[in-house]
C-alpha cells in the first residue's frame, strides 16, 4: 500500500506492534498511517533485525551517524544522515564522510555547534573512544532538544575481550572526562600485550596513531553497560532520558535510545 526504502507498510505489523491501535479497523489503520506519512514514529513494517527496529521506531529528520564505516544504519520514514569518520582514508570502510572528527574530542561542539541534528547514531563507537563520558556528552549536545541519540554497544561476554579487558569503575571514566588521553597509553599497552601474547609472542607489536580507534578501550556486559549509562547521565546533569532499550538478539548488542530533554543546551 505504502512503501519507503523497499519496506512495505503492513497492517498486521502496525497493529501488533502498537497496542493503542489494536481496536482500529483495517481502513482506520491505513488512514491513520497515511495521515502521519513517513514521519510516523512507530513500527509499521517487518524488519530484518532489532537494529532496524530501533531505527524505524525512533529516527526521523536530519541526523548524523558516527563511525558507520561500510554498514550505515538503514533508515526508514522521513530521515537522512550525514556520515562522520575519524579517519580521512576511510580505512574503516564506507565510500564517503561528511564530517571528520573523534567523538570524544573536547572541542567538538565548539566546531560543530550544539542542537544541530534531529538524531545521532553511534553504533559500536563508544567502546573505541578514550573517553566514554566525553563521547556520550558530545552525542547529546549535537542533537536538538527532544532529539534522539541511538547507541549500540557490544557485549563483552560474546567477544574475545572477556579474556583480557579489565573492569573499569566509574571513577576511571570521570578522570578520562577531564583528561581524555590520561589512560590512552595504558589502553594501548593492554592491546599490545594481548596481541603479542596471542599472535606474535616475543615480537615488537606497536599501534600506529591512525590505528588507535581500531581497538576497544572499554567493554562491559549488559548489566554494567546499563549501570554505566545511568551513572553517566547523572554525572552529566541529566541532559537526556532513556526512552527505549533492548538486548539485540541477532548481533548480541546492548541498545539504548536516549531523548534529549528540552531544558538542556
C-alpha atoms as a PDB file:
ATOM      1  CA  UNK A   1       0.000   0.000   0.000  1.00  0.00           C
ATOM      2  CA  UNK A   2       2.689   2.496   1.055  1.00  0.00           C
ATOM      3  CA  UNK A   3       6.405   1.920   0.542  1.00  0.00           C
ATOM      4  CA  UNK A   4       9.652   3.554   1.599  1.00  0.00           C
ATOM      5  CA  UNK A   5      13.198   2.212   1.080  1.00  0.00           C
ATOM      6  CA  UNK A   6      11.770  -1.079  -0.188  1.00  0.00           C
ATOM      7  CA  UNK A   7       9.839  -1.610   3.051  1.00  0.00           C
ATOM      8  CA  UNK A   8       6.104  -2.149   2.696  1.00  0.00           C
ATOM      9  CA  UNK A   9       3.564  -0.802   5.156  1.00  0.00           C
ATOM     10  CA  UNK A  10       1.898  -3.810   6.763  1.00  0.00           C
ATOM     11  CA  UNK A  11      -1.415  -3.592   8.597  1.00  0.00           C
ATOM     12  CA  UNK A  12      -0.759  -6.690  10.717  1.00  0.00           C
ATOM     13  CA  UNK A  13       2.645  -5.462  11.922  1.00  0.00           C
ATOM     14  CA  UNK A  14       1.331  -1.941  12.512  1.00  0.00           C
ATOM     15  CA  UNK A  15      -1.481  -3.264  14.697  1.00  0.00           C
ATOM     16  CA  UNK A  16       0.606  -5.880  16.545  1.00  0.00           C
ATOM     17  CA  UNK A  17       3.471  -3.500  17.377  1.00  0.00           C
ATOM     18  CA  UNK A  18       1.226  -0.690  18.631  1.00  0.00           C
ATOM     19  CA  UNK A  19      -1.359  -1.890  21.179  1.00  0.00           C
ATOM     20  CA  UNK A  20      -3.067   1.525  21.320  1.00  0.00           C
ATOM     21  CA  UNK A  21      -4.096   0.966  17.697  1.00  0.00           C
ATOM     22  CA  UNK A  22      -5.409  -2.559  18.282  1.00  0.00           C
ATOM     23  CA  UNK A  23      -9.052  -1.502  18.038  1.00  0.00           C
ATOM     24  CA  UNK A  24      -8.671   0.223  14.684  1.00  0.00           C
ATOM     25  CA  UNK A  25     -10.215  -1.389  11.616  1.00  0.00           C
ATOM     26  CA  UNK A  26      -8.010  -2.026   8.608  1.00  0.00           C
ATOM     27  CA  UNK A  27      -9.382   1.075   6.948  1.00  0.00           C
ATOM     28  CA  UNK A  28      -8.818   3.218  10.040  1.00  0.00           C
ATOM     29  CA  UNK A  29      -5.262   1.906  10.402  1.00  0.00           C
ATOM     30  CA  UNK A  30      -4.456   2.682   6.782  1.00  0.00           C
ATOM     31  CA  UNK A  31      -5.948   6.160   7.120  1.00  0.00           C
ATOM     32  CA  UNK A  32      -4.014   6.785  10.354  1.00  0.00           C
ATOM     33  CA  UNK A  33      -0.722   5.851   8.745  1.00  0.00           C
ATOM     34  CA  UNK A  34      -1.430   7.831   5.582  1.00  0.00           C
ATOM     35  CA  UNK A  35      -2.234  10.883   7.695  1.00  0.00           C
ATOM     36  CA  UNK A  36       1.079  10.558   9.570  1.00  0.00           C
ATOM     37  CA  UNK A  37       3.061   9.713   6.450  1.00  0.00           C
ATOM     38  CA  UNK A  38       6.621   8.520   6.857  1.00  0.00           C
ATOM     39  CA  UNK A  39       7.079  10.901   9.784  1.00  0.00           C
ATOM     40  CA  UNK A  40       5.262   8.262  11.832  1.00  0.00           C
ATOM     41  CA  UNK A  41       7.416   7.179  14.791  1.00  0.00           C
ATOM     42  CA  UNK A  42       6.098   3.655  15.065  1.00  0.00           C
ATOM     43  CA  UNK A  43       6.976   0.232  13.739  1.00  0.00           C
ATOM     44  CA  UNK A  44       4.838  -0.101  10.640  1.00  0.00           C
ATOM     45  CA  UNK A  45       6.522  -2.961   8.732  1.00  0.00           C
ATOM     46  CA  UNK A  46       8.559  -6.096   9.229  1.00  0.00           C
ATOM     47  CA  UNK A  47      12.318  -5.501   9.540  1.00  0.00           C
ATOM     48  CA  UNK A  48      15.341  -7.791   9.466  1.00  0.00           C
ATOM     49  CA  UNK A  49      16.752  -7.236  12.953  1.00  0.00           C
ATOM     50  CA  UNK A  50      16.500  -5.270  16.205  1.00  0.00           C
ATOM     51  CA  UNK A  51      18.867  -2.577  14.930  1.00  0.00           C
ATOM     52  CA  UNK A  52      16.429  -1.788  12.129  1.00  0.00           C
ATOM     53  CA  UNK A  53      13.504  -1.916  14.548  1.00  0.00           C
ATOM     54  CA  UNK A  54      15.071   0.831  16.679  1.00  0.00           C
ATOM     55  CA  UNK A  55      15.759   2.863  13.539  1.00  0.00           C
ATOM     56  CA  UNK A  56      12.182   2.561  12.288  1.00  0.00           C
ATOM     57  CA  UNK A  57      10.774   3.434  15.688  1.00  0.00           C
ATOM     58  CA  UNK A  58      12.886   6.482  16.523  1.00  0.00           C
ATOM     59  CA  UNK A  59      14.977   8.020  13.745  1.00  0.00           C
ATOM     60  CA  UNK A  60      13.307  10.838  11.858  1.00  0.00           C
ATOM     61  CA  UNK A  61      14.527  14.104  10.350  1.00  0.00           C
ATOM     62  CA  UNK A  62      18.148  15.106   9.754  1.00  0.00           C
ATOM     63  CA  UNK A  63      20.723  13.032  11.606  1.00  0.00           C
ATOM     64  CA  UNK A  64      24.383  12.184  11.877  1.00  0.00           C
ATOM     65  CA  UNK A  65      25.931   8.736  12.178  1.00  0.00           C
ATOM     66  CA  UNK A  66      29.416   8.421  13.629  1.00  0.00           C
ATOM     67  CA  UNK A  67      31.672   5.577  12.549  1.00  0.00           C
ATOM     68  CA  UNK A  68      29.217   3.837  10.226  1.00  0.00           C
ATOM     69  CA  UNK A  69      32.009   2.519   8.012  1.00  0.00           C
ATOM     70  CA  UNK A  70      30.664   0.111   5.417  1.00  0.00           C
ATOM     71  CA  UNK A  71      27.483  -0.605   7.435  1.00  0.00           C
ATOM     72  CA  UNK A  72      25.447   2.594   7.871  1.00  0.00           C
ATOM     73  CA  UNK A  73      22.209   2.233   9.766  1.00  0.00           C
ATOM     74  CA  UNK A  74      19.273   1.551   7.486  1.00  0.00           C
ATOM     75  CA  UNK A  75      16.827   4.441   7.683  1.00  0.00           C
ATOM     76  CA  UNK A  76      13.054   4.377   7.408  1.00  0.00           C
ATOM     77  CA  UNK A  77      10.476   7.076   7.237  1.00  0.00           C
ATOM     78  CA  UNK A  78      11.418  10.717   6.832  1.00  0.00           C
ATOM     79  CA  UNK A  79      15.137  10.506   7.693  1.00  0.00           C
ATOM     80  CA  UNK A  80      18.532  11.381   6.220  1.00  0.00           C
ATOM     81  CA  UNK A  81      22.017  11.282   7.729  1.00  0.00           C
ATOM     82  CA  UNK A  82      25.393  12.872   7.421  1.00  0.00           C
ATOM     83  CA  UNK A  83      28.262  10.435   7.969  1.00  0.00           C
ATOM     84  CA  UNK A  84      31.188  11.137  10.290  1.00  0.00           C
ATOM     85  CA  UNK A  85      34.509   9.302  10.405  1.00  0.00           C
ATOM     86  CA  UNK A  86      37.677   9.596  12.433  1.00  0.00           C
ATOM     87  CA  UNK A  87      39.983   8.821   9.502  1.00  0.00           C
ATOM     88  CA  UNK A  88      40.090  10.596   6.141  1.00  0.00           C
ATOM     89  CA  UNK A  89      41.390   7.491   4.367  1.00  0.00           C
ATOM     90  CA  UNK A  90      38.125   5.628   5.159  1.00  0.00           C
ATOM     91  CA  UNK A  91      40.112   2.627   6.374  1.00  0.00           C
ATOM     92  CA  UNK A  92      37.108   1.588   8.452  1.00  0.00           C
ATOM     93  CA  UNK A  93      35.002   1.211   5.299  1.00  0.00           C
ATOM     94  CA  UNK A  94      32.390   3.254   3.516  1.00  0.00           C
ATOM     95  CA  UNK A  95      32.618   5.433   0.440  1.00  0.00           C
ATOM     96  CA  UNK A  96      32.385   8.916   1.930  1.00  0.00           C
ATOM     97  CA  UNK A  97      32.381  11.081   5.017  1.00  0.00           C
ATOM     98  CA  UNK A  98      30.663  14.416   5.559  1.00  0.00           C
ATOM     99  CA  UNK A  99      32.361  15.243   8.870  1.00  0.00           C
ATOM    100  CA  UNK A 100      35.791  14.245  10.188  1.00  0.00           C
ATOM    101  CA  UNK A 101      36.277  14.072  13.956  1.00  0.00           C
ATOM    102  CA  UNK A 102      36.851  11.913  17.006  1.00  0.00           C
ATOM    103  CA  UNK A 103      33.646  11.573  19.010  1.00  0.00           C
ATOM    104  CA  UNK A 104      35.393  12.275  22.328  1.00  0.00           C
ATOM    105  CA  UNK A 105      37.080  15.488  21.117  1.00  0.00           C
ATOM    106  CA  UNK A 106      36.580  18.066  23.939  1.00  0.00           C
ATOM    107  CA  UNK A 107      36.307  20.843  21.329  1.00  0.00           C
ATOM    108  CA  UNK A 108      33.836  19.026  19.080  1.00  0.00           C
ATOM    109  CA  UNK A 109      30.761  21.132  19.795  1.00  0.00           C
ATOM    110  CA  UNK A 110      32.787  24.336  19.514  1.00  0.00           C
ATOM    111  CA  UNK A 111      33.420  23.364  15.906  1.00  0.00           C
ATOM    112  CA  UNK A 112      30.144  21.609  15.073  1.00  0.00           C
ATOM    113  CA  UNK A 113      27.760  23.606  17.237  1.00  0.00           C
ATOM    114  CA  UNK A 114      25.005  22.288  19.510  1.00  0.00           C
ATOM    115  CA  UNK A 115      21.385  21.358  18.763  1.00  0.00           C
ATOM    116  CA  UNK A 116      22.331  20.708  15.122  1.00  0.00           C
ATOM    117  CA  UNK A 117      20.652  17.375  14.355  1.00  0.00           C
ATOM    118  CA  UNK A 118      17.337  15.633  14.972  1.00  0.00           C
ATOM    119  CA  UNK A 119      19.145  12.414  15.842  1.00  0.00           C
ATOM    120  CA  UNK A 120      22.642  10.987  16.269  1.00  0.00           C
ATOM    121  CA  UNK A 121      23.760   7.368  15.906  1.00  0.00           C
ATOM    122  CA  UNK A 122      26.847   5.746  17.412  1.00  0.00           C
ATOM    123  CA  UNK A 123      26.824   2.018  16.682  1.00  0.00           C
ATOM    124  CA  UNK A 124      29.918   0.243  18.017  1.00  0.00           C
ATOM    125  CA  UNK A 125      31.761   3.518  18.543  1.00  0.00           C
ATOM    126  CA  UNK A 126      31.748   4.482  22.235  1.00  0.00           C
ATOM    127  CA  UNK A 127      33.733   1.393  23.241  1.00  0.00           C
ATOM    128  CA  UNK A 128      36.542   2.579  20.910  1.00  0.00           C
ATOM    129  CA  UNK A 129      36.981   6.156  22.178  1.00  0.00           C
ATOM    130  CA  UNK A 130      39.294   7.118  25.026  1.00  0.00           C
ATOM    131  CA  UNK A 131      36.603   8.990  26.965  1.00  0.00           C
ATOM    132  CA  UNK A 132      33.179   7.331  27.110  1.00  0.00           C
ATOM    133  CA  UNK A 133      31.700  10.249  29.051  1.00  0.00           C
ATOM    134  CA  UNK A 134      33.007  12.868  26.633  1.00  0.00           C
ATOM    135  CA  UNK A 135      31.733  10.863  23.667  1.00  0.00           C
ATOM    136  CA  UNK A 136      28.274  10.486  25.216  1.00  0.00           C
ATOM    137  CA  UNK A 137      28.098  14.200  26.094  1.00  0.00           C
ATOM    138  CA  UNK A 138      29.041  15.176  22.542  1.00  0.00           C
ATOM    139  CA  UNK A 139      26.337  12.923  21.109  1.00  0.00           C
ATOM    140  CA  UNK A 140      23.699  14.532  23.314  1.00  0.00           C
ATOM    141  CA  UNK A 141      24.971  18.047  22.640  1.00  0.00           C
ATOM    142  CA  UNK A 142      24.793  17.512  18.879  1.00  0.00           C
ATOM    143  CA  UNK A 143      21.042  16.827  18.852  1.00  0.00           C
ATOM    144  CA  UNK A 144      18.281  19.365  19.332  1.00  0.00           C
ATOM    145  CA  UNK A 145      16.031  19.391  22.420  1.00  0.00           C
ATOM    146  CA  UNK A 146      13.731  16.353  22.215  1.00  0.00           C
ATOM    147  CA  UNK A 147      16.179  14.855  19.681  1.00  0.00           C
ATOM    148  CA  UNK A 148      17.235  11.216  19.736  1.00  0.00           C
ATOM    149  CA  UNK A 149      20.581   9.550  20.450  1.00  0.00           C
ATOM    150  CA  UNK A 150      20.803   5.895  19.445  1.00  0.00           C
ATOM    151  CA  UNK A 151      23.742   3.964  20.912  1.00  0.00           C
ATOM    152  CA  UNK A 152      24.626   0.333  20.230  1.00  0.00           C
ATOM    153  CA  UNK A 153      27.386  -1.342  22.251  1.00  0.00           C
ATOM    154  CA  UNK A 154      28.951  -4.803  22.083  1.00  0.00           C
ATOM    155  CA  UNK A 155      28.589  -7.257  24.937  1.00  0.00           C
ATOM    156  CA  UNK A 156      31.900  -8.257  26.481  1.00  0.00           C
ATOM    157  CA  UNK A 157      30.983 -11.883  27.170  1.00  0.00           C
ATOM    158  CA  UNK A 158      30.455 -12.563  23.450  1.00  0.00           C
ATOM    159  CA  UNK A 159      33.858 -11.215  22.380  1.00  0.00           C
ATOM    160  CA  UNK A 160      37.481 -12.142  22.981  1.00  0.00           C
ATOM    161  CA  UNK A 161      37.580  -9.014  25.184  1.00  0.00           C
ATOM    162  CA  UNK A 162      36.295 -11.167  28.046  1.00  0.00           C
ATOM    163  CA  UNK A 163      39.705 -12.821  28.327  1.00  0.00           C
ATOM    164  CA  UNK A 164      41.727  -9.657  28.885  1.00  0.00           C
ATOM    165  CA  UNK A 165      39.617  -6.483  29.185  1.00  0.00           C
ATOM    166  CA  UNK A 166      39.697  -5.252  32.806  1.00  0.00           C
ATOM    167  CA  UNK A 167      36.664  -3.854  34.587  1.00  0.00           C
ATOM    168  CA  UNK A 168      36.937  -0.061  34.717  1.00  0.00           C
ATOM    169  CA  UNK A 169      34.984   1.580  37.566  1.00  0.00           C
ATOM    170  CA  UNK A 170      33.092   4.813  37.048  1.00  0.00           C
ATOM    171  CA  UNK A 171      35.908   6.842  38.633  1.00  0.00           C
ATOM    172  CA  UNK A 172      38.097   5.839  35.679  1.00  0.00           C
ATOM    173  CA  UNK A 173      35.618   7.442  33.261  1.00  0.00           C
ATOM    174  CA  UNK A 174      35.381  10.598  35.368  1.00  0.00           C
ATOM    175  CA  UNK A 175      39.156  11.016  35.128  1.00  0.00           C
ATOM    176  CA  UNK A 176      39.023  10.452  31.368  1.00  0.00           C
ATOM    177  CA  UNK A 177      36.282  13.054  31.062  1.00  0.00           C
ATOM    178  CA  UNK A 178      38.613  15.690  32.477  1.00  0.00           C
ATOM    179  CA  UNK A 179      41.666  14.348  30.631  1.00  0.00           C
ATOM    180  CA  UNK A 180      40.548  12.212  27.639  1.00  0.00           C
ATOM    181  CA  UNK A 181      44.046  10.834  26.941  1.00  0.00           C
ATOM    182  CA  UNK A 182      45.037  10.182  30.556  1.00  0.00           C
ATOM    183  CA  UNK A 183      44.793   6.396  30.202  1.00  0.00           C
ATOM    184  CA  UNK A 184      45.327   6.190  26.443  1.00  0.00           C
ATOM    185  CA  UNK A 185      48.801   4.716  26.768  1.00  0.00           C
ATOM    186  CA  UNK A 186      47.547   2.165  29.295  1.00  0.00           C
ATOM    187  CA  UNK A 187      44.727   1.086  26.974  1.00  0.00           C
ATOM    188  CA  UNK A 188      47.213   0.677  24.135  1.00  0.00           C
ATOM    189  CA  UNK A 189      49.653  -1.325  26.267  1.00  0.00           C
ATOM    190  CA  UNK A 190      46.894  -3.793  27.169  1.00  0.00           C
ATOM    191  CA  UNK A 191      46.091  -4.280  23.492  1.00  0.00           C
ATOM    192  CA  UNK A 192      49.773  -4.585  22.562  1.00  0.00           C
ATOM    193  CA  UNK A 193      50.361  -7.129  25.317  1.00  0.00           C
ATOM    194  CA  UNK A 194      47.372  -9.206  24.273  1.00  0.00           C
ATOM    195  CA  UNK A 195      48.381  -9.050  20.628  1.00  0.00           C
ATOM    196  CA  UNK A 196      51.943 -10.159  21.327  1.00  0.00           C
ATOM    197  CA  UNK A 197      50.770 -12.980  23.571  1.00  0.00           C
ATOM    198  CA  UNK A 198      48.166 -14.273  21.139  1.00  0.00           C
ATOM    199  CA  UNK A 199      49.755 -13.640  17.759  1.00  0.00           C
ATOM    200  CA  UNK A 200      53.399 -12.570  17.988  1.00  0.00           C
ATOM    201  CA  UNK A 201      54.966 -13.970  21.129  1.00  0.00           C
ATOM    202  CA  UNK A 202      58.275 -12.225  21.628  1.00  0.00           C
ATOM    203  CA  UNK A 203      57.553  -9.719  18.856  1.00  0.00           C
ATOM    204  CA  UNK A 204      57.559  -5.935  18.972  1.00  0.00           C
ATOM    205  CA  UNK A 205      53.994  -5.032  18.095  1.00  0.00           C
ATOM    206  CA  UNK A 206      53.055  -1.341  18.121  1.00  0.00           C
ATOM    207  CA  UNK A 207      49.872   0.605  17.367  1.00  0.00           C
ATOM    208  CA  UNK A 208      50.181   3.397  14.829  1.00  0.00           C
ATOM    209  CA  UNK A 209      48.431   6.601  15.872  1.00  0.00           C
ATOM    210  CA  UNK A 210      45.990   6.376  12.976  1.00  0.00           C
ATOM    211  CA  UNK A 211      45.046   2.839  14.071  1.00  0.00           C
ATOM    212  CA  UNK A 212      44.223   3.546  17.721  1.00  0.00           C
ATOM    213  CA  UNK A 213      40.473   3.520  17.125  1.00  0.00           C
ATOM    214  CA  UNK A 214      40.566   0.004  15.697  1.00  0.00           C
ATOM    215  CA  UNK A 215      40.683  -1.406  19.218  1.00  0.00           C
ATOM    216  CA  UNK A 216      38.259  -1.409  22.142  1.00  0.00           C
ATOM    217  CA  UNK A 217      39.241   0.788  25.085  1.00  0.00           C
ATOM    218  CA  UNK A 218      36.370  -0.365  27.329  1.00  0.00           C
ATOM    219  CA  UNK A 219      33.764  -3.100  27.231  1.00  0.00           C
ATOM    220  CA  UNK A 220      31.171  -4.460  29.666  1.00  0.00           C
ATOM    221  CA  UNK A 221      28.360  -6.950  29.975  1.00  0.00           C
ATOM    222  CA  UNK A 222      24.715  -5.912  29.682  1.00  0.00           C
ATOM    223  CA  UNK A 223      24.317  -5.091  33.382  1.00  0.00           C
ATOM    224  CA  UNK A 224      27.451  -2.947  33.590  1.00  0.00           C
ATOM    225  CA  UNK A 225      26.825  -1.057  30.340  1.00  0.00           C
ATOM    226  CA  UNK A 226      23.364  -0.209  31.693  1.00  0.00           C
ATOM    227  CA  UNK A 227      24.763   0.908  35.043  1.00  0.00           C
ATOM    228  CA  UNK A 228      27.460   2.975  33.330  1.00  0.00           C
ATOM    229  CA  UNK A 229      24.914   4.736  31.135  1.00  0.00           C
ATOM    230  CA  UNK A 230      22.712   5.789  34.056  1.00  0.00           C
ATOM    231  CA  UNK A 231      25.720   6.873  36.125  1.00  0.00           C
ATOM    232  CA  UNK A 232      26.943   8.880  33.137  1.00  0.00           C
ATOM    233  CA  UNK A 233      23.634  10.671  32.631  1.00  0.00           C
ATOM    234  CA  UNK A 234      23.543  11.574  36.302  1.00  0.00           C
ATOM    235  CA  UNK A 235      27.159  12.804  36.212  1.00  0.00           C
ATOM    236  CA  UNK A 236      26.415  14.955  33.153  1.00  0.00           C
ATOM    237  CA  UNK A 237      23.483  16.607  34.916  1.00  0.00           C
ATOM    238  CA  UNK A 238      20.629  14.634  33.402  1.00  0.00           C
ATOM    239  CA  UNK A 239      20.683  16.014  29.841  1.00  0.00           C
ATOM    240  CA  UNK A 240      18.686  13.093  28.435  1.00  0.00           C
ATOM    241  CA  UNK A 241      16.437  10.235  29.465  1.00  0.00           C
ATOM    242  CA  UNK A 242      16.344   6.624  28.316  1.00  0.00           C
ATOM    243  CA  UNK A 243      13.191   6.058  26.256  1.00  0.00           C
ATOM    244  CA  UNK A 244      13.934   2.617  24.792  1.00  0.00           C
ATOM    245  CA  UNK A 245      16.476  -0.166  25.200  1.00  0.00           C
ATOM    246  CA  UNK A 246      16.995  -3.783  24.352  1.00  0.00           C
ATOM    247  CA  UNK A 247      19.376  -6.675  24.036  1.00  0.00           C
ATOM    248  CA  UNK A 248      19.998  -7.363  20.348  1.00  0.00           C
ATOM    249  CA  UNK A 249      19.119 -10.950  19.620  1.00  0.00           C
ATOM    250  CA  UNK A 250      20.892 -11.046  16.273  1.00  0.00           C
ATOM    251  CA  UNK A 251      24.151  -9.172  16.957  1.00  0.00           C
ATOM    252  CA  UNK A 252      24.264  -9.662  20.737  1.00  0.00           C
ATOM    253  CA  UNK A 253      24.375  -5.887  21.206  1.00  0.00           C
ATOM    254  CA  UNK A 254      23.191  -3.639  24.008  1.00  0.00           C
ATOM    255  CA  UNK A 255      20.974  -0.925  22.515  1.00  0.00           C
ATOM    256  CA  UNK A 256      19.933   2.343  24.145  1.00  0.00           C
ATOM    257  CA  UNK A 257      17.734   5.135  22.819  1.00  0.00           C
ATOM    258  CA  UNK A 258      18.034   8.478  24.627  1.00  0.00           C
ATOM    259  CA  UNK A 259      15.896  11.549  24.204  1.00  0.00           C
ATOM    260  CA  UNK A 260      17.462  14.914  24.962  1.00  0.00           C
ATOM    261  CA  UNK A 261      15.498  16.954  27.461  1.00  0.00           C
ATOM    262  CA  UNK A 262      14.130  20.249  26.232  1.00  0.00           C
ATOM    263  CA  UNK A 263      15.763  22.245  29.044  1.00  0.00           C
ATOM    264  CA  UNK A 264      19.321  21.257  28.058  1.00  0.00           C
ATOM    265  CA  UNK A 265      21.528  23.160  25.636  1.00  0.00           C
END
